[in-house]
PDB file of N, CA and C in Angstrom:
ATOM      1  N   MET A   1       3.775  15.025  25.395  1.00  0.00           N
ATOM      2  CA  MET A   1       3.755  14.822  23.380  1.00  0.00           C
ATOM      3  C   MET A   1       5.892  15.313  23.850  1.00  0.00           C
ATOM      4  N   PRO A   2       6.769  14.794  22.842  1.00  0.00           N
ATOM      5  CA  PRO A   2       7.870  15.673  22.091  1.00  0.00           C
ATOM      6  C   PRO A   2       7.501  16.189  21.644  1.00  0.00           C
ATOM      7  N   THR A   3       8.782  17.185  21.822  1.00  0.00           N
ATOM      8  CA  THR A   3       8.547  18.857  20.987  1.00  0.00           C
ATOM      9  C   THR A   3       8.663  18.667  19.371  1.00  0.00           C
ATOM     10  N   ARG A   4       9.047  17.789  19.188  1.00  0.00           N
ATOM     11  CA  ARG A   4       9.520  17.341  17.624  1.00  0.00           C
ATOM     12  C   ARG A   4       7.920  17.389  16.869  1.00  0.00           C
ATOM     13  N   TYR A   5       6.804  17.112  17.412  1.00  0.00           N
ATOM     14  CA  TYR A   5       5.224  16.910  16.947  1.00  0.00           C
ATOM     15  C   TYR A   5       4.411  18.143  17.350  1.00  0.00           C
ATOM     16  N   VAL A   6       4.917  19.117  17.977  1.00  0.00           N
ATOM     17  CA  VAL A   6       3.737  20.391  18.452  1.00  0.00           C
ATOM     18  C   VAL A   6       3.505  20.782  17.217  1.00  0.00           C
ATOM     19  N   GLY A   7       1.825  20.541  16.997  1.00  0.00           N
ATOM     20  CA  GLY A   7       1.745  21.569  15.824  1.00  0.00           C
ATOM     21  C   GLY A   7       0.845  20.913  15.285  1.00  0.00           C
ATOM     22  N   LEU A   8       1.402  19.115  15.361  1.00  0.00           N
ATOM     23  CA  LEU A   8       0.199  18.082  14.788  1.00  0.00           C
ATOM     24  C   LEU A   8      -0.783  17.516  15.507  1.00  0.00           C
ATOM     25  N   ARG A   9      -1.959  17.005  14.666  1.00  0.00           N
ATOM     26  CA  ARG A   9      -3.301  16.480  14.781  1.00  0.00           C
ATOM     27  C   ARG A   9      -3.629  15.070  14.829  1.00  0.00           C
ATOM     28  N   GLN A  10      -3.403  14.574  15.466  1.00  0.00           N
ATOM     29  CA  GLN A  10      -4.665  13.813  15.365  1.00  0.00           C
ATOM     30  C   GLN A  10      -5.674  13.697  14.752  1.00  0.00           C
ATOM     31  N   ALA A  11      -5.718  12.218  13.766  1.00  0.00           N
ATOM     32  CA  ALA A  11      -7.043  12.447  13.140  1.00  0.00           C
ATOM     33  C   ALA A  11      -8.010  11.459  14.372  1.00  0.00           C
ATOM     34  N   ASP A  12      -9.007  12.048  13.965  1.00  0.00           N
ATOM     35  CA  ASP A  12     -10.314  12.068  14.629  1.00  0.00           C
ATOM     36  C   ASP A  12     -10.475  10.291  14.620  1.00  0.00           C
ATOM     37  N   SER A  13     -10.554   9.761  13.595  1.00  0.00           N
ATOM     38  CA  SER A  13     -11.002   8.468  12.929  1.00  0.00           C
ATOM     39  C   SER A  13      -9.549   7.410  13.598  1.00  0.00           C
ATOM     40  N   VAL A  14     -10.158   5.899  14.243  1.00  0.00           N
ATOM     41  CA  VAL A  14      -9.528   5.255  14.340  1.00  0.00           C
ATOM     42  C   VAL A  14      -9.534   4.150  12.696  1.00  0.00           C
ATOM     43  N   ASP A  15     -10.254   4.347  11.490  1.00  0.00           N
ATOM     44  CA  ASP A  15     -10.073   3.694  10.241  1.00  0.00           C
ATOM     45  C   ASP A  15      -9.434   4.253   9.640  1.00  0.00           C
ATOM     46  N   TYR A  16      -8.589   3.487   9.068  1.00  0.00           N
ATOM     47  CA  TYR A  16      -7.153   3.542   8.384  1.00  0.00           C
ATOM     48  C   TYR A  16      -7.475   4.099   7.307  1.00  0.00           C
ATOM     49  N   ALA A  17      -8.078   3.225   6.441  1.00  0.00           N
ATOM     50  CA  ALA A  17      -8.698   4.308   5.053  1.00  0.00           C
ATOM     51  C   ALA A  17      -8.931   5.606   5.758  1.00  0.00           C
ATOM     52  N   VAL A  18      -9.751   6.374   6.465  1.00  0.00           N
ATOM     53  CA  VAL A  18      -9.536   7.398   6.394  1.00  0.00           C
ATOM     54  C   VAL A  18      -8.527   8.510   6.958  1.00  0.00           C
ATOM     55  N   ARG A  19      -8.028   7.780   7.725  1.00  0.00           N
ATOM     56  CA  ARG A  19      -6.778   8.383   8.303  1.00  0.00           C
ATOM     57  C   ARG A  19      -5.185   8.777   7.220  1.00  0.00           C
ATOM     58  N   THR A  20      -5.488   7.714   6.253  1.00  0.00           N
ATOM     59  CA  THR A  20      -5.172   7.693   5.024  1.00  0.00           C
ATOM     60  C   THR A  20      -5.289   8.917   3.876  1.00  0.00           C
ATOM     61  N   GLN A  21      -6.311   8.801   3.855  1.00  0.00           N
ATOM     62  CA  GLN A  21      -6.439   9.791   3.311  1.00  0.00           C
ATOM     63  C   GLN A  21      -7.067  11.635   3.508  1.00  0.00           C
ATOM     64  N   LYS A  22      -6.854  11.696   4.924  1.00  0.00           N
ATOM     65  CA  LYS A  22      -6.237  12.582   5.668  1.00  0.00           C
ATOM     66  C   LYS A  22      -4.765  12.998   5.284  1.00  0.00           C
ATOM     67  N   ASN A  23      -3.809  12.029   5.666  1.00  0.00           N
ATOM     68  CA  ASN A  23      -2.492  12.031   5.038  1.00  0.00           C
ATOM     69  C   ASN A  23      -2.327  12.962   3.720  1.00  0.00           C
ATOM     70  N   VAL A  24      -2.773  12.102   3.219  1.00  0.00           N
ATOM     71  CA  VAL A  24      -2.693  12.386   1.512  1.00  0.00           C
ATOM     72  C   VAL A  24      -3.012  13.482   1.294  1.00  0.00           C
ATOM     73  N   TYR A  25      -4.294  13.923   1.468  1.00  0.00           N
ATOM     74  CA  TYR A  25      -5.259  15.397   1.580  1.00  0.00           C
ATOM     75  C   TYR A  25      -4.276  16.727   2.511  1.00  0.00           C
ATOM     76  N   ASP A  26      -3.919  16.218   3.512  1.00  0.00           N
ATOM     77  CA  ASP A  26      -3.134  17.466   4.102  1.00  0.00           C
ATOM     78  C   ASP A  26      -1.560  17.477   4.363  1.00  0.00           C
ATOM     79  N   THR A  27      -1.140  17.116   3.020  1.00  0.00           N
ATOM     80  CA  THR A  27       0.419  17.378   2.951  1.00  0.00           C
ATOM     81  C   THR A  27       0.712  17.902   1.150  1.00  0.00           C
ATOM     82  N   HIS A  28       1.778  18.566   0.696  1.00  0.00           N
ATOM     83  CA  HIS A  28       1.821  18.468  -0.417  1.00  0.00           C
ATOM     84  C   HIS A  28       2.700  17.170  -1.007  1.00  0.00           C
ATOM     85  N   GLY A  29       2.676  16.141  -1.005  1.00  0.00           N
ATOM     86  CA  GLY A  29       2.818  15.043  -1.884  1.00  0.00           C
ATOM     87  C   GLY A  29       3.287  14.417  -1.039  1.00  0.00           C
ATOM     88  N   THR A  30       3.260  13.358  -1.748  1.00  0.00           N
ATOM     89  CA  THR A  30       3.359  11.478  -1.011  1.00  0.00           C
ATOM     90  C   THR A  30       4.161  10.251  -1.692  1.00  0.00           C
ATOM     91  N   LEU A  31       5.120  10.401  -0.770  1.00  0.00           N
ATOM     92  CA  LEU A  31       6.813   9.436  -1.555  1.00  0.00           C
ATOM     93  C   LEU A  31       6.266   8.411  -0.477  1.00  0.00           C
ATOM     94  N   VAL A  32       5.893   7.240  -1.865  1.00  0.00           N
ATOM     95  CA  VAL A  32       5.780   5.783  -1.644  1.00  0.00           C
ATOM     96  C   VAL A  32       6.694   5.217  -1.653  1.00  0.00           C
ATOM     97  N   LEU A  33       7.406   4.102  -0.635  1.00  0.00           N
ATOM     98  CA  LEU A  33       8.787   3.817  -0.221  1.00  0.00           C
ATOM     99  C   LEU A  33       8.212   2.006  -0.831  1.00  0.00           C
ATOM    100  N   MET A  34       7.732   1.278  -1.860  1.00  0.00           N
ATOM    101  CA  MET A  34       7.180  -0.298  -1.608  1.00  0.00           C
ATOM    102  C   MET A  34       8.700  -1.049  -2.035  1.00  0.00           C
ATOM    103  N   TRP A  35       8.041  -2.550  -1.511  1.00  0.00           N
ATOM    104  CA  TRP A  35       8.926  -3.229  -1.746  1.00  0.00           C
ATOM    105  C   TRP A  35       8.193  -4.160  -2.744  1.00  0.00           C
ATOM    106  N   GLY A  36       8.799  -4.450  -4.332  1.00  0.00           N
ATOM    107  CA  GLY A  36       7.805  -4.561  -5.480  1.00  0.00           C
ATOM    108  C   GLY A  36       6.510  -3.686  -5.420  1.00  0.00           C
ATOM    109  N   PRO A  37       5.846  -4.590  -6.190  1.00  0.00           N
ATOM    110  CA  PRO A  37       4.453  -4.069  -6.622  1.00  0.00           C
ATOM    111  C   PRO A  37       2.662  -3.948  -4.781  1.00  0.00           C
ATOM    112  N   ALA A  38       2.851  -2.620  -5.331  1.00  0.00           N
ATOM    113  CA  ALA A  38       2.333  -2.050  -4.016  1.00  0.00           C
ATOM    114  C   ALA A  38       0.864  -3.138  -3.521  1.00  0.00           C
ATOM    115  N   ILE A  39       0.794  -3.910  -2.201  1.00  0.00           N
ATOM    116  CA  ILE A  39      -0.998  -4.091  -1.523  1.00  0.00           C
ATOM    117  C   ILE A  39      -1.224  -3.672  -0.413  1.00  0.00           C
ATOM    118  N   GLY A  40      -2.119  -4.240  -0.121  1.00  0.00           N
ATOM    119  CA  GLY A  40      -2.899  -3.420   0.460  1.00  0.00           C
ATOM    120  C   GLY A  40      -2.919  -1.834   1.303  1.00  0.00           C
ATOM    121  N   GLY A  41      -3.013  -1.664   2.113  1.00  0.00           N
ATOM    122  CA  GLY A  41      -2.875  -0.091   2.180  1.00  0.00           C
ATOM    123  C   GLY A  41      -1.234   0.507   1.742  1.00  0.00           C
ATOM    124  N   THR A  42      -0.326   0.139   1.765  1.00  0.00           N
ATOM    125  CA  THR A  42       0.155   0.696   0.181  1.00  0.00           C
ATOM    126  C   THR A  42      -0.645   0.991  -1.038  1.00  0.00           C
ATOM    127  N   GLN A  43      -1.029   0.222  -1.457  1.00  0.00           N
ATOM    128  CA  GLN A  43      -1.561   0.403  -2.670  1.00  0.00           C
ATOM    129  C   GLN A  43      -2.897   1.720  -2.673  1.00  0.00           C
ATOM    130  N   GLU A  44      -3.588   1.083  -1.128  1.00  0.00           N
ATOM    131  CA  GLU A  44      -4.837   2.158  -1.298  1.00  0.00           C
ATOM    132  C   GLU A  44      -4.175   3.520  -0.941  1.00  0.00           C
ATOM    133  N   THR A  45      -2.978   4.088  -0.060  1.00  0.00           N
ATOM    134  CA  THR A  45      -2.410   5.516  -0.930  1.00  0.00           C
ATOM    135  C   THR A  45      -2.109   5.915  -1.730  1.00  0.00           C
ATOM    136  N   ILE A  46      -1.502   5.084  -2.615  1.00  0.00           N
ATOM    137  CA  ILE A  46      -1.519   5.366  -4.077  1.00  0.00           C
ATOM    138  C   ILE A  46      -2.601   5.666  -4.751  1.00  0.00           C
ATOM    139  N   GLU A  47      -3.912   4.739  -4.618  1.00  0.00           N
ATOM    140  CA  GLU A  47      -4.632   5.025  -5.516  1.00  0.00           C
ATOM    141  C   GLU A  47      -5.968   6.078  -4.575  1.00  0.00           C
ATOM    142  N   ILE A  48      -5.951   6.443  -3.668  1.00  0.00           N
ATOM    143  CA  ILE A  48      -6.262   7.569  -2.726  1.00  0.00           C
ATOM    144  C   ILE A  48      -5.398   9.069  -3.552  1.00  0.00           C
ATOM    145  N   ALA A  49      -4.197   8.643  -3.598  1.00  0.00           N
ATOM    146  CA  ALA A  49      -2.999   9.871  -4.043  1.00  0.00           C
ATOM    147  C   ALA A  49      -3.900  10.302  -5.005  1.00  0.00           C
ATOM    148  N   ARG A  50      -4.118   9.581  -6.347  1.00  0.00           N
ATOM    149  CA  ARG A  50      -4.257   9.191  -8.059  1.00  0.00           C
ATOM    150  C   ARG A  50      -5.850   9.883  -7.608  1.00  0.00           C
ATOM    151  N   ARG A  51      -6.996   9.583  -7.170  1.00  0.00           N
ATOM    152  CA  ARG A  51      -7.842   9.799  -7.213  1.00  0.00           C
ATOM    153  C   ARG A  51      -8.271  11.379  -6.779  1.00  0.00           C
ATOM    154  N   LEU A  52      -7.444  12.071  -5.858  1.00  0.00           N
ATOM    155  CA  LEU A  52      -7.228  13.313  -5.174  1.00  0.00           C
ATOM    156  C   LEU A  52      -6.583  13.812  -5.939  1.00  0.00           C
ATOM    157  N   LEU A  53      -5.874  13.478  -7.326  1.00  0.00           N
ATOM    158  CA  LEU A  53      -5.464  14.169  -8.022  1.00  0.00           C
ATOM    159  C   LEU A  53      -3.429  15.012  -7.113  1.00  0.00           C
ATOM    160  N   ARG A  54      -3.594  14.083  -6.148  1.00  0.00           N
ATOM    161  CA  ARG A  54      -2.364  15.215  -5.344  1.00  0.00           C
ATOM    162  C   ARG A  54      -0.767  14.070  -6.008  1.00  0.00           C
ATOM    163  N   PRO A  55       0.020  15.117  -5.843  1.00  0.00           N
ATOM    164  CA  PRO A  55       1.588  14.921  -5.993  1.00  0.00           C
ATOM    165  C   PRO A  55       1.939  13.440  -5.643  1.00  0.00           C
ATOM    166  N   LEU A  56       2.378  12.822  -5.963  1.00  0.00           N
ATOM    167  CA  LEU A  56       2.709  11.258  -6.069  1.00  0.00           C
ATOM    168  C   LEU A  56       4.417  11.204  -7.020  1.00  0.00           C
ATOM    169  N   MET A  57       4.971   9.966  -6.397  1.00  0.00           N
ATOM    170  CA  MET A  57       6.218   9.122  -6.477  1.00  0.00           C
ATOM    171  C   MET A  57       6.143   8.266  -5.344  1.00  0.00           C
ATOM    172  N   GLU A  58       6.898   6.734  -6.096  1.00  0.00           N
ATOM    173  CA  GLU A  58       6.569   5.683  -6.134  1.00  0.00           C
ATOM    174  C   GLU A  58       8.430   5.545  -6.567  1.00  0.00           C
ATOM    175  N   ILE A  59       8.801   4.962  -5.357  1.00  0.00           N
ATOM    176  CA  ILE A  59       9.982   4.230  -5.345  1.00  0.00           C
ATOM    177  C   ILE A  59      10.191   2.813  -5.103  1.00  0.00           C
ATOM    178  N   ASP A  60      10.139   1.935  -5.702  1.00  0.00           N
ATOM    179  CA  ASP A  60      10.269   0.188  -5.543  1.00  0.00           C
ATOM    180  C   ASP A  60      11.794  -0.133  -4.901  1.00  0.00           C
ATOM    181  N   LEU A  61      12.124   0.114  -3.650  1.00  0.00           N
ATOM    182  CA  LEU A  61      13.177  -0.783  -2.856  1.00  0.00           C
ATOM    183  C   LEU A  61      13.408  -1.203  -2.885  1.00  0.00           C
ATOM    184  N   ALA A  62      12.690  -2.379  -3.840  1.00  0.00           N
ATOM    185  CA  ALA A  62      13.820  -3.760  -4.036  1.00  0.00           C
ATOM    186  C   ALA A  62      14.671  -3.540  -5.340  1.00  0.00           C
ATOM    187  N   THR A  63      14.330  -2.708  -6.352  1.00  0.00           N
ATOM    188  CA  THR A  63      15.214  -2.432  -7.404  1.00  0.00           C
ATOM    189  C   THR A  63      16.419  -0.994  -7.633  1.00  0.00           C
ATOM    190  N   ALA A  64      15.607   0.138  -6.101  1.00  0.00           N
ATOM    191  CA  ALA A  64      16.374   0.926  -6.727  1.00  0.00           C
ATOM    192  C   ALA A  64      17.769   1.098  -5.974  1.00  0.00           C
ATOM    193  N   ASP A  65      18.646   2.130  -6.965  1.00  0.00           N
ATOM    194  CA  ASP A  65      19.606   2.818  -6.483  1.00  0.00           C
ATOM    195  C   ASP A  65      19.523   3.652  -4.987  1.00  0.00           C
ATOM    196  N   PRO A  66      20.273   3.703  -3.954  1.00  0.00           N
ATOM    197  CA  PRO A  66      19.427   4.187  -2.813  1.00  0.00           C
ATOM    198  C   PRO A  66      19.737   5.834  -3.190  1.00  0.00           C
ATOM    199  N   ARG A  67      20.907   5.730  -3.334  1.00  0.00           N
ATOM    200  CA  ARG A  67      21.857   7.365  -4.375  1.00  0.00           C
ATOM    201  C   ARG A  67      20.885   8.064  -5.549  1.00  0.00           C
ATOM    202  N   VAL A  68      20.489   7.333  -6.461  1.00  0.00           N
ATOM    203  CA  VAL A  68      19.568   7.659  -7.944  1.00  0.00           C
ATOM    204  C   VAL A  68      18.572   7.875  -6.768  1.00  0.00           C
ATOM    205  N   ALA A  69      17.940   6.633  -6.142  1.00  0.00           N
ATOM    206  CA  ALA A  69      16.620   7.240  -5.660  1.00  0.00           C
ATOM    207  C   ALA A  69      16.428   8.259  -5.207  1.00  0.00           C
ATOM    208  N   ALA A  70      17.127   8.294  -3.736  1.00  0.00           N
ATOM    209  CA  ALA A  70      16.880   9.747  -2.913  1.00  0.00           C
ATOM    210  C   ALA A  70      17.535  11.213  -3.744  1.00  0.00           C
ATOM    211  N   GLU A  71      18.554  10.988  -4.863  1.00  0.00           N
ATOM    212  CA  GLU A  71      18.294  12.041  -5.922  1.00  0.00           C
ATOM    213  C   GLU A  71      16.793  12.878  -6.765  1.00  0.00           C
ATOM    214  N   GLN A  72      16.293  11.835  -7.439  1.00  0.00           N
ATOM    215  CA  GLN A  72      15.196  11.779  -7.954  1.00  0.00           C
ATOM    216  C   GLN A  72      14.083  12.327  -6.978  1.00  0.00           C
ATOM    217  N   ALA A  73      14.088  11.835  -5.910  1.00  0.00           N
ATOM    218  CA  ALA A  73      13.215  12.677  -5.004  1.00  0.00           C
ATOM    219  C   ALA A  73      13.546  13.216  -4.562  1.00  0.00           C
ATOM    220  N   ALA A  74      14.682  14.213  -4.332  1.00  0.00           N
ATOM    221  CA  ALA A  74      15.434  15.343  -4.195  1.00  0.00           C
ATOM    222  C   ALA A  74      14.466  15.987  -4.837  1.00  0.00           C
ATOM    223  N   ALA A  75      14.483  16.018  -6.724  1.00  0.00           N
ATOM    224  CA  ALA A  75      14.138  17.006  -7.239  1.00  0.00           C
ATOM    225  C   ALA A  75      12.338  17.102  -7.309  1.00  0.00           C
ATOM    226  N   TRP A  76      12.104  15.786  -7.404  1.00  0.00           N
ATOM    227  CA  TRP A  76      10.684  15.643  -7.161  1.00  0.00           C
ATOM    228  C   TRP A  76      10.268  16.598  -6.139  1.00  0.00           C
ATOM    229  N   LEU A  77      10.968  16.173  -5.057  1.00  0.00           N
ATOM    230  CA  LEU A  77      10.422  17.755  -3.489  1.00  0.00           C
ATOM    231  C   LEU A  77      10.659  18.749  -4.286  1.00  0.00           C
ATOM    232  N   ALA A  78      11.549  18.915  -4.970  1.00  0.00           N
ATOM    233  CA  ALA A  78      12.301  20.654  -5.318  1.00  0.00           C
ATOM    234  C   ALA A  78      11.233  21.186  -6.170  1.00  0.00           C
ATOM    235  N   GLY A  79      10.248  20.439  -6.700  1.00  0.00           N
ATOM    236  CA  GLY A  79       8.948  20.911  -7.431  1.00  0.00           C
ATOM    237  C   GLY A  79       7.828  21.405  -6.820  1.00  0.00           C
ATOM    238  N   LEU A  80       8.005  20.638  -5.501  1.00  0.00           N
ATOM    239  CA  LEU A  80       6.766  20.904  -4.808  1.00  0.00           C
ATOM    240  C   LEU A  80       6.836  22.346  -4.083  1.00  0.00           C
ATOM    241  N   THR A  81       7.825  22.694  -3.778  1.00  0.00           N
ATOM    242  CA  THR A  81       8.503  23.424  -3.005  1.00  0.00           C
ATOM    243  C   THR A  81       8.216  25.029  -4.005  1.00  0.00           C
ATOM    244  N   ARG A  82       7.185  26.209  -3.457  1.00  0.00           N
ATOM    245  CA  ARG A  82       7.036  27.040  -4.294  1.00  0.00           C
ATOM    246  C   ARG A  82       7.817  27.959  -3.043  1.00  0.00           C
ATOM    247  N   LEU A  83       8.183  29.213  -3.908  1.00  0.00           N
ATOM    248  CA  LEU A  83       9.080  30.551  -3.229  1.00  0.00           C
ATOM    249  C   LEU A  83       9.887  29.869  -1.099  1.00  0.00           C
ATOM    250  N   GLY A  84      10.011  29.460  -1.870  1.00  0.00           N
ATOM    251  CA  GLY A  84      10.855  28.908  -0.607  1.00  0.00           C
ATOM    252  C   GLY A  84      10.132  27.979   0.377  1.00  0.00           C
ATOM    253  N   ARG A  85       8.339  27.587   0.359  1.00  0.00           N
ATOM    254  CA  ARG A  85       7.813  27.565   1.561  1.00  0.00           C
ATOM    255  C   ARG A  85       7.612  25.764   1.354  1.00  0.00           C
ATOM    256  N   THR A  86       7.580  25.608   3.296  1.00  0.00           N
ATOM    257  CA  THR A  86       7.624  24.132   3.314  1.00  0.00           C
ATOM    258  C   THR A  86       6.858  23.945   3.090  1.00  0.00           C
ATOM    259  N   VAL A  87       7.380  22.171   2.583  1.00  0.00           N
ATOM    260  CA  VAL A  87       6.859  21.070   1.963  1.00  0.00           C
ATOM    261  C   VAL A  87       6.600  20.581   3.314  1.00  0.00           C
ATOM    262  N   ARG A  88       5.367  19.838   3.302  1.00  0.00           N
ATOM    263  CA  ARG A  88       4.716  18.162   4.110  1.00  0.00           C
ATOM    264  C   ARG A  88       4.520  17.753   3.443  1.00  0.00           C
ATOM    265  N   LEU A  89       5.614  16.647   3.564  1.00  0.00           N
ATOM    266  CA  LEU A  89       5.471  15.101   2.986  1.00  0.00           C
ATOM    267  C   LEU A  89       5.211  14.120   3.631  1.00  0.00           C
ATOM    268  N   ASN A  90       3.979  13.198   2.587  1.00  0.00           N
ATOM    269  CA  ASN A  90       3.936  12.470   3.211  1.00  0.00           C
ATOM    270  C   ASN A  90       4.555  11.051   3.122  1.00  0.00           C
ATOM    271  N   VAL A  91       4.838  10.135   4.019  1.00  0.00           N
ATOM    272  CA  VAL A  91       5.957   8.967   3.593  1.00  0.00           C
ATOM    273  C   VAL A  91       4.707   7.892   3.610  1.00  0.00           C
ATOM    274  N   ALA A  92       4.926   7.082   2.589  1.00  0.00           N
ATOM    275  CA  ALA A  92       4.487   6.242   3.165  1.00  0.00           C
ATOM    276  C   ALA A  92       4.849   4.443   2.235  1.00  0.00           C
ATOM    277  N   GLY A  93       4.152   3.128   3.081  1.00  0.00           N
ATOM    278  CA  GLY A  93       5.107   2.342   2.572  1.00  0.00           C
ATOM    279  C   GLY A  93       4.616   1.005   2.828  1.00  0.00           C
ATOM    280  N   PRO A  94       4.502  -0.447   3.065  1.00  0.00           N
ATOM    281  CA  PRO A  94       4.206  -1.359   3.447  1.00  0.00           C
ATOM    282  C   PRO A  94       5.146  -1.760   4.941  1.00  0.00           C
ATOM    283  N   ARG A  95       4.356  -2.138   5.840  1.00  0.00           N
ATOM    284  CA  ARG A  95       4.730  -2.270   7.506  1.00  0.00           C
ATOM    285  C   ARG A  95       5.617  -3.490   7.770  1.00  0.00           C
ATOM    286  N   ALA A  96       6.564  -3.723   8.673  1.00  0.00           N
ATOM    287  CA  ALA A  96       7.826  -4.557   8.729  1.00  0.00           C
ATOM    288  C   ALA A  96       7.956  -5.738   8.024  1.00  0.00           C
ATOM    289  N   SER A  97       6.275  -6.166   8.986  1.00  0.00           N
ATOM    290  CA  SER A  97       5.566  -7.653   8.921  1.00  0.00           C
ATOM    291  C   SER A  97       5.386  -7.956   6.653  1.00  0.00           C
ATOM    292  N   GLU A  98       5.016  -6.959   6.561  1.00  0.00           N
ATOM    293  CA  GLU A  98       5.054  -7.373   4.626  1.00  0.00           C
ATOM    294  C   GLU A  98       6.520  -7.048   4.328  1.00  0.00           C
ATOM    295  N   ALA A  99       7.520  -6.602   4.237  1.00  0.00           N
ATOM    296  CA  ALA A  99       8.268  -6.670   3.824  1.00  0.00           C
ATOM    297  C   ALA A  99       9.609  -5.826   4.357  1.00  0.00           C
ATOM    298  N   SER A 100       9.845  -7.458   5.475  1.00  0.00           N
ATOM    299  CA  SER A 100      11.181  -7.112   6.269  1.00  0.00           C
ATOM    300  C   SER A 100      12.647  -6.173   5.564  1.00  0.00           C
ATOM    301  N   ALA A 101      13.132  -6.053   4.563  1.00  0.00           N
ATOM    302  CA  ALA A 101      14.071  -6.022   4.519  1.00  0.00           C
ATOM    303  C   ALA A 101      14.409  -4.488   3.563  1.00  0.00           C
ATOM    304  N   ALA A 102      12.717  -3.978   3.886  1.00  0.00           N
ATOM    305  CA  ALA A 102      12.095  -2.434   3.109  1.00  0.00           C
ATOM    306  C   ALA A 102      13.015  -1.516   4.352  1.00  0.00           C
ATOM    307  N   TYR A 103      13.335  -1.657   5.299  1.00  0.00           N
ATOM    308  CA  TYR A 103      12.825  -1.169   6.217  1.00  0.00           C
ATOM    309  C   TYR A 103      14.818   0.190   6.346  1.00  0.00           C
ATOM    310  N   GLU A 104      15.428  -0.744   6.172  1.00  0.00           N
ATOM    311  CA  GLU A 104      16.906  -0.469   6.072  1.00  0.00           C
ATOM    312  C   GLU A 104      17.117   0.388   4.728  1.00  0.00           C
ATOM    313  N   ARG A 105      16.930   0.038   3.786  1.00  0.00           N
ATOM    314  CA  ARG A 105      16.501   0.898   2.369  1.00  0.00           C
ATOM    315  C   ARG A 105      16.300   1.554   2.882  1.00  0.00           C
ATOM    316  N   ALA A 106      14.805   1.585   3.065  1.00  0.00           N
ATOM    317  CA  ALA A 106      13.839   3.059   3.149  1.00  0.00           C
ATOM    318  C   ALA A 106      14.703   3.848   3.585  1.00  0.00           C
ATOM    319  N   ARG A 107      14.845   3.976   4.888  1.00  0.00           N
ATOM    320  CA  ARG A 107      15.881   4.476   5.293  1.00  0.00           C
ATOM    321  C   ARG A 107      17.378   5.375   5.420  1.00  0.00           C
ATOM    322  N   ASP A 108      17.968   4.865   4.399  1.00  0.00           N
ATOM    323  CA  ASP A 108      18.923   4.854   3.860  1.00  0.00           C
ATOM    324  C   ASP A 108      18.587   5.579   2.553  1.00  0.00           C
ATOM    325  N   ILE A 109      17.579   5.452   1.825  1.00  0.00           N
ATOM    326  CA  ILE A 109      17.139   6.870   1.038  1.00  0.00           C
ATOM    327  C   ILE A 109      17.056   7.925   1.229  1.00  0.00           C
ATOM    328  N   LEU A 110      15.453   7.715   2.750  1.00  0.00           N
ATOM    329  CA  LEU A 110      15.358   9.541   3.718  1.00  0.00           C
ATOM    330  C   LEU A 110      16.292   9.654   3.910  1.00  0.00           C
ATOM    331  N   ARG A 111      17.718   9.219   4.139  1.00  0.00           N
ATOM    332  CA  ARG A 111      18.760   9.845   5.151  1.00  0.00           C
ATOM    333  C   ARG A 111      19.496  10.107   3.872  1.00  0.00           C
ATOM    334  N   LEU A 112      19.543  10.161   2.723  1.00  0.00           N
ATOM    335  CA  LEU A 112      20.693  10.550   1.915  1.00  0.00           C
ATOM    336  C   LEU A 112      18.972  11.747   1.183  1.00  0.00           C
ATOM    337  N   LEU A 113      18.090  11.490   0.879  1.00  0.00           N
ATOM    338  CA  LEU A 113      17.155  13.145   0.773  1.00  0.00           C
ATOM    339  C   LEU A 113      17.689  14.066   1.514  1.00  0.00           C
ATOM    340  N   PHE A 114      17.053  13.069   3.372  1.00  0.00           N
ATOM    341  CA  PHE A 114      17.006  14.297   4.035  1.00  0.00           C
ATOM    342  C   PHE A 114      18.235  15.332   3.841  1.00  0.00           C
ATOM    343  N   SER A 115      19.220  14.644   3.815  1.00  0.00           N
ATOM    344  CA  SER A 115      20.406  15.672   3.938  1.00  0.00           C
ATOM    345  C   SER A 115      20.699  15.864   2.686  1.00  0.00           C
ATOM    346  N   ALA A 116      20.270  16.399   1.903  1.00  0.00           N
ATOM    347  CA  ALA A 116      20.351  16.905   0.466  1.00  0.00           C
ATOM    348  C   ALA A 116      19.427  17.808   0.126  1.00  0.00           C
ATOM    349  N   VAL A 117      18.514  17.842   1.205  1.00  0.00           N
ATOM    350  CA  VAL A 117      17.155  19.060   0.985  1.00  0.00           C
ATOM    351  C   VAL A 117      17.420  19.451   2.636  1.00  0.00           C
ATOM    352  N   ALA A 118      16.162  21.180   2.080  1.00  0.00           N
ATOM    353  CA  ALA A 118      16.776  21.713   3.513  1.00  0.00           C
ATOM    354  C   ALA A 118      15.409  20.969   4.184  1.00  0.00           C
ATOM    355  N   VAL A 119      15.799  20.180   5.339  1.00  0.00           N
ATOM    356  CA  VAL A 119      14.820  19.774   6.378  1.00  0.00           C
ATOM    357  C   VAL A 119      14.352  21.359   7.546  1.00  0.00           C
ATOM    358  N   VAL A 120      13.276  21.488   8.430  1.00  0.00           N
ATOM    359  CA  VAL A 120      12.790  22.469   9.413  1.00  0.00           C
ATOM    360  C   VAL A 120      12.428  21.233   9.894  1.00  0.00           C
TER     361      VAL A 120
END
């Protein structure tokens, strides 16, 4: 296992819904990067976060300006940070087969976001 994954634990279940719920619950917040209206697993992730009352931010990659979206996400993340604590972030969104154009836009926004915040 690459050293960057040390400390991570694989979910015991092969059930997608169980793994999604665990990802939402075990992190400080979920950033959903979608392309248009959320569908399938992306919508399920949003519903789980809302049901569990977990912090959630949604960005529509189809319409968002990458710089503005990254700034908004950075401000949202700053609100999740307390006393300099490391924040565990769950990032969710559609598969490439569902929204092939989303990958580049998500990559751009995440690069801008992570360059704006301290990443450990």
